[in-house]
Amino acid sequence: DIMANVLDVTYGIFIYQEQIIQIVQLLADYSLSEADLLRRAIGKKITSEMQEHRHKFIESTYSKFKDDKQKAVRVFETIEKFANYGFNRAHAVTYAIIGYWTAYLKANYVQEFFSVSMTLEQHNTTKLLTFIKELPYFNIVLLPPDINISTDSFQIENTALRYSLKAIKNVSNNTLQSIIKNR
């Protein structure tokens, strides 16, 4: 089975964009450039282009499924669903390494992880709130901002984190620098 051979390495599941290219080349006799156009349409979720490819793919493929047009439709629909989570294979390694190191840092350098993460996201209240909600699970206390201690980042204080002055709405850089200078 053509699909089984291509998807064998990912246990029968579409993971990589390159798998889409291989499948449409082998099943629907797409050229490499045509297959790449479909991959692009899927990757960028360009509905109009995907519909054009849908018709072509189904018409080119169903004879390979012993004239079972429904099977051709199901294969294309599986390819379409892939658009929600697929990425190219070269990025997979990079994402895996970043995910591994992020998990390692969060597990082994918890305070440092949250201090840096919250500082990087201090202008994104939604992400900042997500981090704040996680702190109790790691027994980290979030101390309120202190005009005499706080800086432009979330600072580690013993087993706690001190809230950043820069994360407070409407505190400008000039105001922040003035506060730090006048201490």
N, C-alpha and C. Protein backbone atom coordinates (compact mmCIF):
# COMPACT_ATOMS: atom_id res chain seq x y z
N ASP A 1 0.84 -1.18 0.00
CA ASP A 1 0.00 0.00 0.00
C ASP A 1 0.89 1.24 0.00
N ILE A 2 0.62 2.15 -0.91
CA ILE A 2 1.44 3.36 -1.08
C ILE A 2 1.45 4.20 0.18
N MET A 3 0.26 4.44 0.73
CA MET A 3 0.18 5.30 1.92
C MET A 3 0.88 4.66 3.11
N ALA A 4 0.73 3.37 3.26
CA ALA A 4 1.37 2.68 4.39
C ALA A 4 2.89 2.84 4.33
N ASN A 5 3.46 2.76 3.13
CA ASN A 5 4.91 2.91 2.98
C ASN A 5 5.37 4.31 3.35
N VAL A 6 4.62 5.31 2.91
CA VAL A 6 5.01 6.70 3.19
C VAL A 6 4.81 7.05 4.66
N LEU A 7 3.73 6.54 5.25
CA LEU A 7 3.38 6.89 6.63
C LEU A 7 3.92 5.93 7.67
N ASP A 8 4.66 4.92 7.24
CA ASP A 8 5.19 3.91 8.15
C ASP A 8 6.04 4.52 9.26
N VAL A 9 6.89 5.44 8.93
CA VAL A 9 7.81 6.03 9.90
C VAL A 9 7.07 6.85 10.97
N THR A 10 5.83 7.30 10.66
CA THR A 10 5.05 8.07 11.64
C THR A 10 3.81 7.29 12.08
N TYR A 11 3.91 5.96 12.02
CA TYR A 11 2.87 5.06 12.51
C TYR A 11 1.50 5.31 11.87
N GLY A 12 1.51 5.60 10.57
CA GLY A 12 0.28 5.73 9.81
C GLY A 12 -0.41 7.08 9.92
N ILE A 13 0.27 8.05 10.50
CA ILE A 13 -0.33 9.37 10.69
C ILE A 13 0.47 10.41 9.91
N PHE A 14 -0.24 11.31 9.23
CA PHE A 14 0.43 12.42 8.56
C PHE A 14 1.01 13.35 9.63
N ILE A 15 2.29 13.58 9.55
CA ILE A 15 2.95 14.50 10.47
C ILE A 15 3.66 15.60 9.68
N TYR A 16 4.35 15.20 8.63
CA TYR A 16 5.20 16.12 7.89
C TYR A 16 4.59 16.52 6.56
N GLN A 17 4.85 17.75 6.15
CA GLN A 17 4.39 18.24 4.85
C GLN A 17 5.00 17.41 3.72
N GLU A 18 6.20 16.93 3.92
CA GLU A 18 6.85 16.12 2.89
C GLU A 18 6.06 14.84 2.59
N GLN A 19 5.37 14.33 3.59
CA GLN A 19 4.55 13.13 3.38
C GLN A 19 3.38 13.44 2.43
N ILE A 20 2.82 14.62 2.55
CA ILE A 20 1.75 15.03 1.64
C ILE A 20 2.28 15.06 0.22
N ILE A 21 3.45 15.65 0.04
CA ILE A 21 4.06 15.74 -1.29
C ILE A 21 4.24 14.34 -1.88
N GLN A 22 4.78 13.42 -1.09
CA GLN A 22 5.00 12.05 -1.56
C GLN A 22 3.68 11.36 -1.92
N ILE A 23 2.70 11.48 -1.05
CA ILE A 23 1.41 10.81 -1.27
C ILE A 23 0.76 11.31 -2.54
N VAL A 24 0.68 12.63 -2.73
CA VAL A 24 -0.01 13.13 -3.92
C VAL A 24 0.77 12.84 -5.19
N GLN A 25 2.08 12.76 -5.08
CA GLN A 25 2.87 12.37 -6.26
C GLN A 25 2.58 10.91 -6.62
N LEU A 26 2.57 10.05 -5.64
CA LEU A 26 2.40 8.62 -5.89
C LEU A 26 0.96 8.23 -6.22
N LEU A 27 0.00 8.84 -5.52
CA LEU A 27 -1.40 8.46 -5.74
C LEU A 27 -2.07 9.22 -6.88
N ALA A 28 -1.81 10.52 -6.97
CA ALA A 28 -2.55 11.35 -7.93
C ALA A 28 -1.69 11.77 -9.11
N ASP A 29 -0.48 11.23 -9.20
CA ASP A 29 0.43 11.54 -10.31
C ASP A 29 0.72 13.04 -10.44
N TYR A 30 0.80 13.72 -9.32
CA TYR A 30 1.18 15.13 -9.33
C TYR A 30 2.66 15.23 -9.65
N SER A 31 3.04 16.30 -10.31
CA SER A 31 4.46 16.59 -10.47
C SER A 31 4.95 17.12 -9.12
N LEU A 32 6.26 17.22 -8.96
CA LEU A 32 6.81 17.74 -7.72
C LEU A 32 6.32 19.17 -7.46
N SER A 33 6.28 19.99 -8.50
CA SER A 33 5.84 21.38 -8.32
C SER A 33 4.35 21.45 -7.99
N GLU A 34 3.53 20.59 -8.61
CA GLU A 34 2.11 20.56 -8.29
C GLU A 34 1.89 20.11 -6.84
N ALA A 35 2.63 19.11 -6.44
CA ALA A 35 2.52 18.61 -5.06
C ALA A 35 2.93 19.69 -4.06
N ASP A 36 3.94 20.46 -4.42
CA ASP A 36 4.39 21.54 -3.54
C ASP A 36 3.33 22.64 -3.46
N LEU A 37 2.63 22.89 -4.56
CA LEU A 37 1.55 23.89 -4.52
C LEU A 37 0.43 23.43 -3.57
N LEU A 38 0.11 22.14 -3.59
CA LEU A 38 -0.88 21.62 -2.65
C LEU A 38 -0.36 21.74 -1.22
N ARG A 39 0.89 21.39 -1.01
CA ARG A 39 1.49 21.51 0.33
C ARG A 39 1.40 22.95 0.82
N ARG A 40 1.68 23.89 -0.07
CA ARG A 40 1.61 25.30 0.30
C ARG A 40 0.18 25.71 0.64
N ALA A 41 -0.78 25.28 -0.17
CA ALA A 41 -2.19 25.59 0.08
C ALA A 41 -2.63 25.03 1.43
N ILE A 42 -2.17 23.83 1.75
CA ILE A 42 -2.51 23.21 3.03
C ILE A 42 -1.82 23.96 4.17
N GLY A 43 -0.53 24.23 4.00
CA GLY A 43 0.24 24.90 5.04
C GLY A 43 -0.28 26.29 5.35
N LYS A 44 -0.72 27.01 4.34
CA LYS A 44 -1.23 28.38 4.53
C LYS A 44 -2.75 28.41 4.64
N LYS A 45 -3.37 27.23 4.57
CA LYS A 45 -4.82 27.09 4.70
C LYS A 45 -5.56 27.96 3.67
N ILE A 46 -5.13 27.87 2.42
CA ILE A 46 -5.76 28.63 1.33
C ILE A 46 -6.90 27.77 0.78
N THR A 47 -8.10 28.05 1.26
CA THR A 47 -9.26 27.21 0.98
C THR A 47 -9.55 27.08 -0.52
N SER A 48 -9.49 28.18 -1.26
CA SER A 48 -9.83 28.13 -2.69
C SER A 48 -8.87 27.20 -3.44
N GLU A 49 -7.58 27.28 -3.14
CA GLU A 49 -6.61 26.41 -3.80
C GLU A 49 -6.80 24.96 -3.37
N MET A 50 -7.13 24.75 -2.10
CA MET A 50 -7.33 23.38 -1.62
C MET A 50 -8.53 22.74 -2.33
N GLN A 51 -9.57 23.53 -2.62
CA GLN A 51 -10.74 22.99 -3.32
C GLN A 51 -10.38 22.59 -4.75
N GLU A 52 -9.55 23.39 -5.41
CA GLU A 52 -9.10 23.03 -6.76
C GLU A 52 -8.33 21.71 -6.72
N HIS A 53 -7.44 21.59 -5.76
CA HIS A 53 -6.65 20.36 -5.62
C HIS A 53 -7.52 19.18 -5.22
N ARG A 54 -8.54 19.43 -4.44
CA ARG A 54 -9.45 18.36 -4.01
C ARG A 54 -10.04 17.66 -5.24
N HIS A 55 -10.58 18.46 -6.15
CA HIS A 55 -11.19 17.89 -7.36
C HIS A 55 -10.15 17.12 -8.17
N LYS A 56 -9.01 17.73 -8.40
CA LYS A 56 -7.96 17.08 -9.20
C LYS A 56 -7.48 15.79 -8.53
N PHE A 57 -7.24 15.86 -7.21
CA PHE A 57 -6.75 14.69 -6.48
C PHE A 57 -7.75 13.53 -6.57
N ILE A 58 -9.01 13.82 -6.30
CA ILE A 58 -10.02 12.77 -6.30
C ILE A 58 -10.16 12.14 -7.68
N GLU A 59 -10.20 12.99 -8.71
CA GLU A 59 -10.34 12.46 -10.08
C GLU A 59 -9.12 11.64 -10.49
N SER A 60 -7.94 12.05 -10.05
CA SER A 60 -6.71 11.34 -10.43
C SER A 60 -6.48 10.08 -9.60
N THR A 61 -7.11 10.01 -8.44
CA THR A 61 -6.78 8.96 -7.48
C THR A 61 -7.74 7.79 -7.45
N TYR A 62 -9.02 8.03 -7.66
CA TYR A 62 -9.97 6.97 -7.34
C TYR A 62 -9.79 5.72 -8.17
N SER A 63 -9.19 5.81 -9.35
CA SER A 63 -8.94 4.59 -10.13
C SER A 63 -7.92 3.69 -9.42
N LYS A 64 -7.02 4.29 -8.66
CA LYS A 64 -6.03 3.50 -7.92
C LYS A 64 -6.67 2.79 -6.72
N PHE A 65 -7.85 3.25 -6.34
CA PHE A 65 -8.58 2.61 -5.26
C PHE A 65 -9.70 1.72 -5.82
N LYS A 66 -9.43 1.14 -6.98
CA LYS A 66 -10.40 0.25 -7.65
C LYS A 66 -11.74 0.95 -7.83
N ASP A 67 -11.67 2.18 -8.36
CA ASP A 67 -12.84 3.01 -8.64
C ASP A 67 -13.70 3.31 -7.41
N ASP A 68 -13.09 3.28 -6.25
CA ASP A 68 -13.80 3.62 -5.01
C ASP A 68 -13.56 5.11 -4.75
N LYS A 69 -14.48 5.93 -5.27
CA LYS A 69 -14.33 7.38 -5.15
C LYS A 69 -14.38 7.83 -3.70
N GLN A 70 -15.17 7.15 -2.88
CA GLN A 70 -15.27 7.52 -1.47
C GLN A 70 -13.93 7.38 -0.74
N LYS A 71 -13.17 6.37 -1.11
CA LYS A 71 -11.86 6.19 -0.50
C LYS A 71 -10.95 7.35 -0.89
N ALA A 72 -11.02 7.77 -2.14
CA ALA A 72 -10.23 8.92 -2.61
C ALA A 72 -10.63 10.17 -1.84
N VAL A 73 -11.93 10.35 -1.62
CA VAL A 73 -12.43 11.51 -0.87
C VAL A 73 -11.91 11.46 0.57
N ARG A 74 -11.97 10.27 1.19
CA ARG A 74 -11.49 10.12 2.58
C ARG A 74 -10.01 10.44 2.70
N VAL A 75 -9.22 10.00 1.71
CA VAL A 75 -7.78 10.29 1.74
C VAL A 75 -7.56 11.79 1.66
N PHE A 76 -8.27 12.46 0.75
CA PHE A 76 -8.07 13.90 0.64
C PHE A 76 -8.53 14.61 1.91
N GLU A 77 -9.63 14.18 2.49
CA GLU A 77 -10.10 14.79 3.73
C GLU A 77 -9.10 14.59 4.86
N THR A 78 -8.44 13.46 4.86
CA THR A 78 -7.37 13.23 5.85
C THR A 78 -6.23 14.21 5.63
N ILE A 79 -5.89 14.43 4.37
CA ILE A 79 -4.85 15.40 4.03
C ILE A 79 -5.27 16.80 4.48
N GLU A 80 -6.53 17.15 4.26
CA GLU A 80 -7.03 18.47 4.69
C GLU A 80 -6.93 18.64 6.20
N LYS A 81 -7.29 17.61 6.96
CA LYS A 81 -7.21 17.68 8.43
C LYS A 81 -5.77 17.92 8.88
N PHE A 82 -4.84 17.37 8.12
CA PHE A 82 -3.43 17.53 8.42
C PHE A 82 -3.04 19.00 8.52
N ALA A 83 -3.74 19.86 7.75
CA ALA A 83 -3.42 21.28 7.72
C ALA A 83 -3.49 21.92 9.10
N ASN A 84 -4.23 21.32 10.02
CA ASN A 84 -4.36 21.91 11.36
C ASN A 84 -3.14 21.71 12.24
N TYR A 85 -2.32 20.73 11.94
CA TYR A 85 -1.20 20.45 12.85
C TYR A 85 0.12 20.11 12.16
N GLY A 86 0.16 19.96 10.88
CA GLY A 86 1.37 19.51 10.20
C GLY A 86 2.41 20.60 10.05
N PHE A 87 3.65 20.19 9.89
CA PHE A 87 4.75 21.11 9.66
C PHE A 87 5.82 20.36 8.87
N ASN A 88 6.81 21.10 8.39
CA ASN A 88 7.82 20.39 7.61
C ASN A 88 8.80 19.67 8.52
N ARG A 89 9.40 18.65 7.98
CA ARG A 89 10.23 17.75 8.77
C ARG A 89 11.46 18.45 9.36
N ALA A 90 12.03 19.37 8.61
CA ALA A 90 13.21 20.08 9.12
C ALA A 90 12.88 20.85 10.39
N HIS A 91 11.67 21.39 10.48
CA HIS A 91 11.28 22.12 11.69
C HIS A 91 11.02 21.19 12.86
N ALA A 92 10.65 19.96 12.58
CA ALA A 92 10.30 19.02 13.64
C ALA A 92 11.46 18.85 14.63
N VAL A 93 12.65 18.71 14.12
CA VAL A 93 13.82 18.53 14.99
C VAL A 93 14.04 19.79 15.82
N THR A 94 13.94 20.93 15.19
CA THR A 94 14.14 22.19 15.90
C THR A 94 13.11 22.35 17.01
N TYR A 95 11.82 22.09 16.69
CA TYR A 95 10.77 22.20 17.71
C TYR A 95 11.01 21.20 18.83
N ALA A 96 11.44 20.01 18.49
CA ALA A 96 11.68 18.98 19.51
C ALA A 96 12.81 19.42 20.44
N ILE A 97 13.86 19.98 19.90
CA ILE A 97 14.99 20.43 20.73
C ILE A 97 14.56 21.58 21.63
N ILE A 98 13.82 22.53 21.07
CA ILE A 98 13.34 23.66 21.88
C ILE A 98 12.41 23.16 22.97
N GLY A 99 11.52 22.24 22.62
CA GLY A 99 10.60 21.67 23.61
C GLY A 99 11.35 20.94 24.71
N TYR A 100 12.36 20.17 24.33
CA TYR A 100 13.16 19.42 25.30
C TYR A 100 13.86 20.37 26.27
N TRP A 101 14.54 21.38 25.74
CA TRP A 101 15.27 22.30 26.60
C TRP A 101 14.33 23.13 27.47
N THR A 102 13.20 23.52 26.92
CA THR A 102 12.22 24.27 27.72
C THR A 102 11.73 23.42 28.88
N ALA A 103 11.39 22.16 28.61
CA ALA A 103 10.93 21.26 29.68
C ALA A 103 12.04 21.04 30.70
N TYR A 104 13.27 20.87 30.24
CA TYR A 104 14.40 20.66 31.14
C TYR A 104 14.58 21.87 32.07
N LEU A 105 14.56 23.06 31.48
CA LEU A 105 14.75 24.27 32.28
C LEU A 105 13.61 24.46 33.28
N LYS A 106 12.40 24.19 32.84
CA LYS A 106 11.25 24.34 33.74
C LYS A 106 11.31 23.33 34.88
N ALA A 107 11.81 22.14 34.61
CA ALA A 107 11.90 21.10 35.64
C ALA A 107 13.07 21.30 36.59
N ASN A 108 14.17 21.85 36.09
CA ASN A 108 15.40 21.92 36.89
C ASN A 108 15.78 23.32 37.37
N TYR A 109 15.27 24.34 36.75
CA TYR A 109 15.56 25.73 37.11
C TYR A 109 14.24 26.49 37.13
N VAL A 110 13.35 26.08 38.01
CA VAL A 110 11.96 26.54 38.00
C VAL A 110 11.87 28.06 38.17
N GLN A 111 12.50 28.59 39.20
CA GLN A 111 12.41 30.04 39.43
C GLN A 111 13.00 30.83 38.28
N GLU A 112 14.13 30.39 37.80
CA GLU A 112 14.77 31.08 36.68
C GLU A 112 13.89 31.01 35.43
N PHE A 113 13.28 29.83 35.21
CA PHE A 113 12.40 29.66 34.06
C PHE A 113 11.25 30.66 34.12
N PHE A 114 10.58 30.72 35.26
CA PHE A 114 9.44 31.63 35.38
C PHE A 114 9.87 33.09 35.36
N SER A 115 10.98 33.41 35.98
CA SER A 115 11.47 34.78 35.98
C SER A 115 11.71 35.28 34.55
N VAL A 116 12.41 34.48 33.78
CA VAL A 116 12.71 34.86 32.40
C VAL A 116 11.46 34.84 31.53
N SER A 117 10.65 33.80 31.65
CA SER A 117 9.45 33.67 30.83
C SER A 117 8.48 34.82 31.10
N MET A 118 8.29 35.14 32.37
CA MET A 118 7.36 36.21 32.72
C MET A 118 7.91 37.57 32.29
N THR A 119 9.21 37.74 32.37
CA THR A 119 9.80 38.99 31.91
C THR A 119 9.62 39.15 30.40
N LEU A 120 9.83 38.07 29.66
CA LEU A 120 9.65 38.13 28.21
C LEU A 120 8.20 38.40 27.81
N GLU A 121 7.26 37.94 28.62
CA GLU A 121 5.84 38.08 28.30
C GLU A 121 5.13 39.14 29.14
N GLN A 122 5.89 40.04 29.75
CA GLN A 122 5.27 40.97 30.69
C GLN A 122 4.28 41.96 30.07
N HIS A 123 4.30 42.10 28.75
CA HIS A 123 3.33 42.98 28.08
C HIS A 123 2.18 42.19 27.49
N ASN A 124 2.19 40.87 27.66
CA ASN A 124 1.11 40.02 27.18
C ASN A 124 0.35 39.51 28.41
N THR A 125 -0.70 40.20 28.78
CA THR A 125 -1.39 39.88 30.03
C THR A 125 -1.97 38.47 30.05
N THR A 126 -2.38 37.97 28.89
CA THR A 126 -2.95 36.62 28.84
C THR A 126 -1.89 35.58 29.20
N LYS A 127 -0.71 35.68 28.58
CA LYS A 127 0.36 34.72 28.88
C LYS A 127 0.88 34.92 30.30
N LEU A 128 0.98 36.16 30.71
CA LEU A 128 1.47 36.45 32.06
C LEU A 128 0.52 35.83 33.09
N LEU A 129 -0.77 35.92 32.88
CA LEU A 129 -1.74 35.32 33.78
C LEU A 129 -1.60 33.80 33.82
N THR A 130 -1.31 33.20 32.67
CA THR A 130 -1.09 31.75 32.62
C THR A 130 0.08 31.36 33.51
N PHE A 131 1.18 32.10 33.42
CA PHE A 131 2.35 31.82 34.27
C PHE A 131 2.01 32.03 35.74
N ILE A 132 1.30 33.11 36.04
CA ILE A 132 0.95 33.42 37.43
C ILE A 132 0.11 32.30 38.04
N LYS A 133 -0.81 31.75 37.25
CA LYS A 133 -1.65 30.65 37.74
C LYS A 133 -0.84 29.38 37.98
N GLU A 134 0.27 29.23 37.28
CA GLU A 134 1.11 28.04 37.44
C GLU A 134 2.02 28.09 38.66
N LEU A 135 2.37 29.28 39.10
CA LEU A 135 3.34 29.44 40.19
C LEU A 135 3.01 28.63 41.45
N PRO A 136 1.77 28.60 41.92
CA PRO A 136 1.48 27.82 43.15
C PRO A 136 1.81 26.33 43.03
N TYR A 137 1.70 25.77 41.84
CA TYR A 137 2.02 24.35 41.65
C TYR A 137 3.50 24.07 41.88
N PHE A 138 4.31 25.11 41.78
CA PHE A 138 5.75 24.97 42.00
C PHE A 138 6.18 25.60 43.32
N ASN A 139 5.19 25.91 44.15
CA ASN A 139 5.45 26.53 45.45
C ASN A 139 6.24 27.83 45.34
N ILE A 140 5.92 28.59 44.33
CA ILE A 140 6.57 29.89 44.15
C ILE A 140 5.54 30.97 44.47
N VAL A 141 5.93 31.87 45.37
CA VAL A 141 5.07 32.98 45.77
C VAL A 141 5.39 34.16 44.86
N LEU A 142 4.35 34.84 44.40
CA LEU A 142 4.54 36.05 43.61
C LEU A 142 4.38 37.25 44.53
N LEU A 143 5.47 37.95 44.75
CA LEU A 143 5.45 39.12 45.62
C LEU A 143 4.97 40.33 44.82
N PRO A 144 4.26 41.23 45.46
CA PRO A 144 3.76 42.41 44.73
C PRO A 144 4.90 43.33 44.32
N PRO A 145 4.61 44.23 43.38
CA PRO A 145 5.65 45.19 43.00
C PRO A 145 5.99 46.08 44.20
N ASP A 146 7.25 46.45 44.28
CA ASP A 146 7.71 47.29 45.39
C ASP A 146 8.55 48.40 44.78
N ILE A 147 8.15 49.62 45.02
CA ILE A 147 8.83 50.77 44.42
C ILE A 147 10.30 50.85 44.83
N ASN A 148 10.63 50.24 45.97
CA ASN A 148 12.01 50.27 46.46
C ASN A 148 12.86 49.09 45.99
N ILE A 149 12.23 48.03 45.48
CA ILE A 149 12.97 46.81 45.14
C ILE A 149 12.80 46.41 43.68
N SER A 150 11.57 46.48 43.17
CA SER A 150 11.25 45.96 41.83
C SER A 150 12.06 46.66 40.74
N THR A 151 12.28 45.92 39.68
CA THR A 151 13.03 46.45 38.53
C THR A 151 12.16 46.30 37.27
N ASP A 152 12.82 46.29 36.12
CA ASP A 152 12.09 46.15 34.86
C ASP A 152 11.88 44.69 34.48
N SER A 153 12.21 43.77 35.40
CA SER A 153 12.01 42.34 35.14
C SER A 153 11.51 41.66 36.42
N PHE A 154 11.03 40.44 36.25
CA PHE A 154 10.61 39.65 37.40
C PHE A 154 11.88 39.11 38.05
N GLN A 155 12.07 39.41 39.34
CA GLN A 155 13.31 39.06 40.03
C GLN A 155 13.07 37.93 41.04
N ILE A 156 14.07 37.07 41.17
CA ILE A 156 14.01 35.98 42.14
C ILE A 156 14.41 36.54 43.51
N GLU A 157 13.57 36.25 44.52
CA GLU A 157 13.87 36.62 45.89
C GLU A 157 13.63 35.38 46.76
N ASN A 158 14.68 34.72 47.15
CA ASN A 158 14.59 33.47 47.91
C ASN A 158 13.72 32.46 47.16
N THR A 159 12.56 32.11 47.71
CA THR A 159 11.69 31.13 47.03
C THR A 159 10.51 31.83 46.36
N ALA A 160 10.66 33.11 46.08
CA ALA A 160 9.57 33.89 45.51
C ALA A 160 10.05 34.64 44.28
N LEU A 161 9.09 35.24 43.57
CA LEU A 161 9.38 36.13 42.46
C LEU A 161 8.80 37.50 42.77
N ARG A 162 9.57 38.53 42.52
CA ARG A 162 9.10 39.90 42.73
C ARG A 162 8.53 40.42 41.42
N TYR A 163 7.33 40.96 41.48
CA TYR A 163 6.63 41.47 40.30
C TYR A 163 7.42 42.62 39.67
N SER A 164 7.45 42.64 38.37
CA SER A 164 8.17 43.65 37.61
C SER A 164 7.39 44.96 37.54
N LEU A 165 8.08 46.07 37.69
CA LEU A 165 7.42 47.37 37.52
C LEU A 165 7.00 47.58 36.07
N LYS A 166 7.77 47.03 35.17
CA LYS A 166 7.48 47.19 33.75
C LYS A 166 6.21 46.45 33.33
N ALA A 167 5.79 45.46 34.10
CA ALA A 167 4.59 44.69 33.79
C ALA A 167 3.32 45.41 34.24
N ILE A 168 3.48 46.50 34.96
CA ILE A 168 2.32 47.27 35.40
C ILE A 168 1.87 48.15 34.23
N LYS A 169 0.58 48.10 33.97
CA LYS A 169 0.05 48.90 32.85
C LYS A 169 0.33 50.39 33.06
N ASN A 170 0.63 51.05 31.97
CA ASN A 170 0.85 52.50 31.91
C ASN A 170 2.10 52.98 32.64
N VAL A 171 3.01 52.09 32.98
CA VAL A 171 4.30 52.52 33.53
C VAL A 171 5.27 52.56 32.35
N SER A 172 5.64 53.77 31.97
CA SER A 172 6.51 53.93 30.81
C SER A 172 7.96 53.64 31.18
N ASN A 173 8.78 53.49 30.16
CA ASN A 173 10.21 53.28 30.38
C ASN A 173 10.83 54.46 31.11
N ASN A 174 10.42 55.67 30.74
CA ASN A 174 10.95 56.87 31.40
C ASN A 174 10.60 56.89 32.88
N THR A 175 9.36 56.56 33.20
CA THR A 175 8.93 56.50 34.60
C THR A 175 9.72 55.44 35.35
N LEU A 176 9.86 54.28 34.73
CA LEU A 176 10.60 53.18 35.35
C LEU A 176 12.04 53.59 35.63
N GLN A 177 12.70 54.17 34.65
CA GLN A 177 14.10 54.59 34.83
C GLN A 177 14.23 55.67 35.90
N SER A 178 13.24 56.54 35.96
CA SER A 178 13.25 57.60 36.98
C SER A 178 13.12 57.00 38.38
N ILE A 179 12.25 56.01 38.53
CA ILE A 179 12.05 55.35 39.83
C ILE A 179 13.36 54.67 40.25
N ILE A 180 13.98 53.94 39.36
CA ILE A 180 15.22 53.21 39.67
C ILE A 180 16.33 54.20 40.00
N LYS A 181 16.43 55.28 39.26
CA LYS A 181 17.48 56.29 39.47
C LYS A 181 17.33 56.99 40.82
N ASN A 182 16.10 57.23 41.22
CA ASN A 182 15.84 57.99 42.46
C ASN A 182 15.83 57.15 43.73
N ARG A 183 16.13 55.91 43.65
CA ARG A 183 16.12 55.07 44.85
C ARG A 183 17.18 55.49 45.79
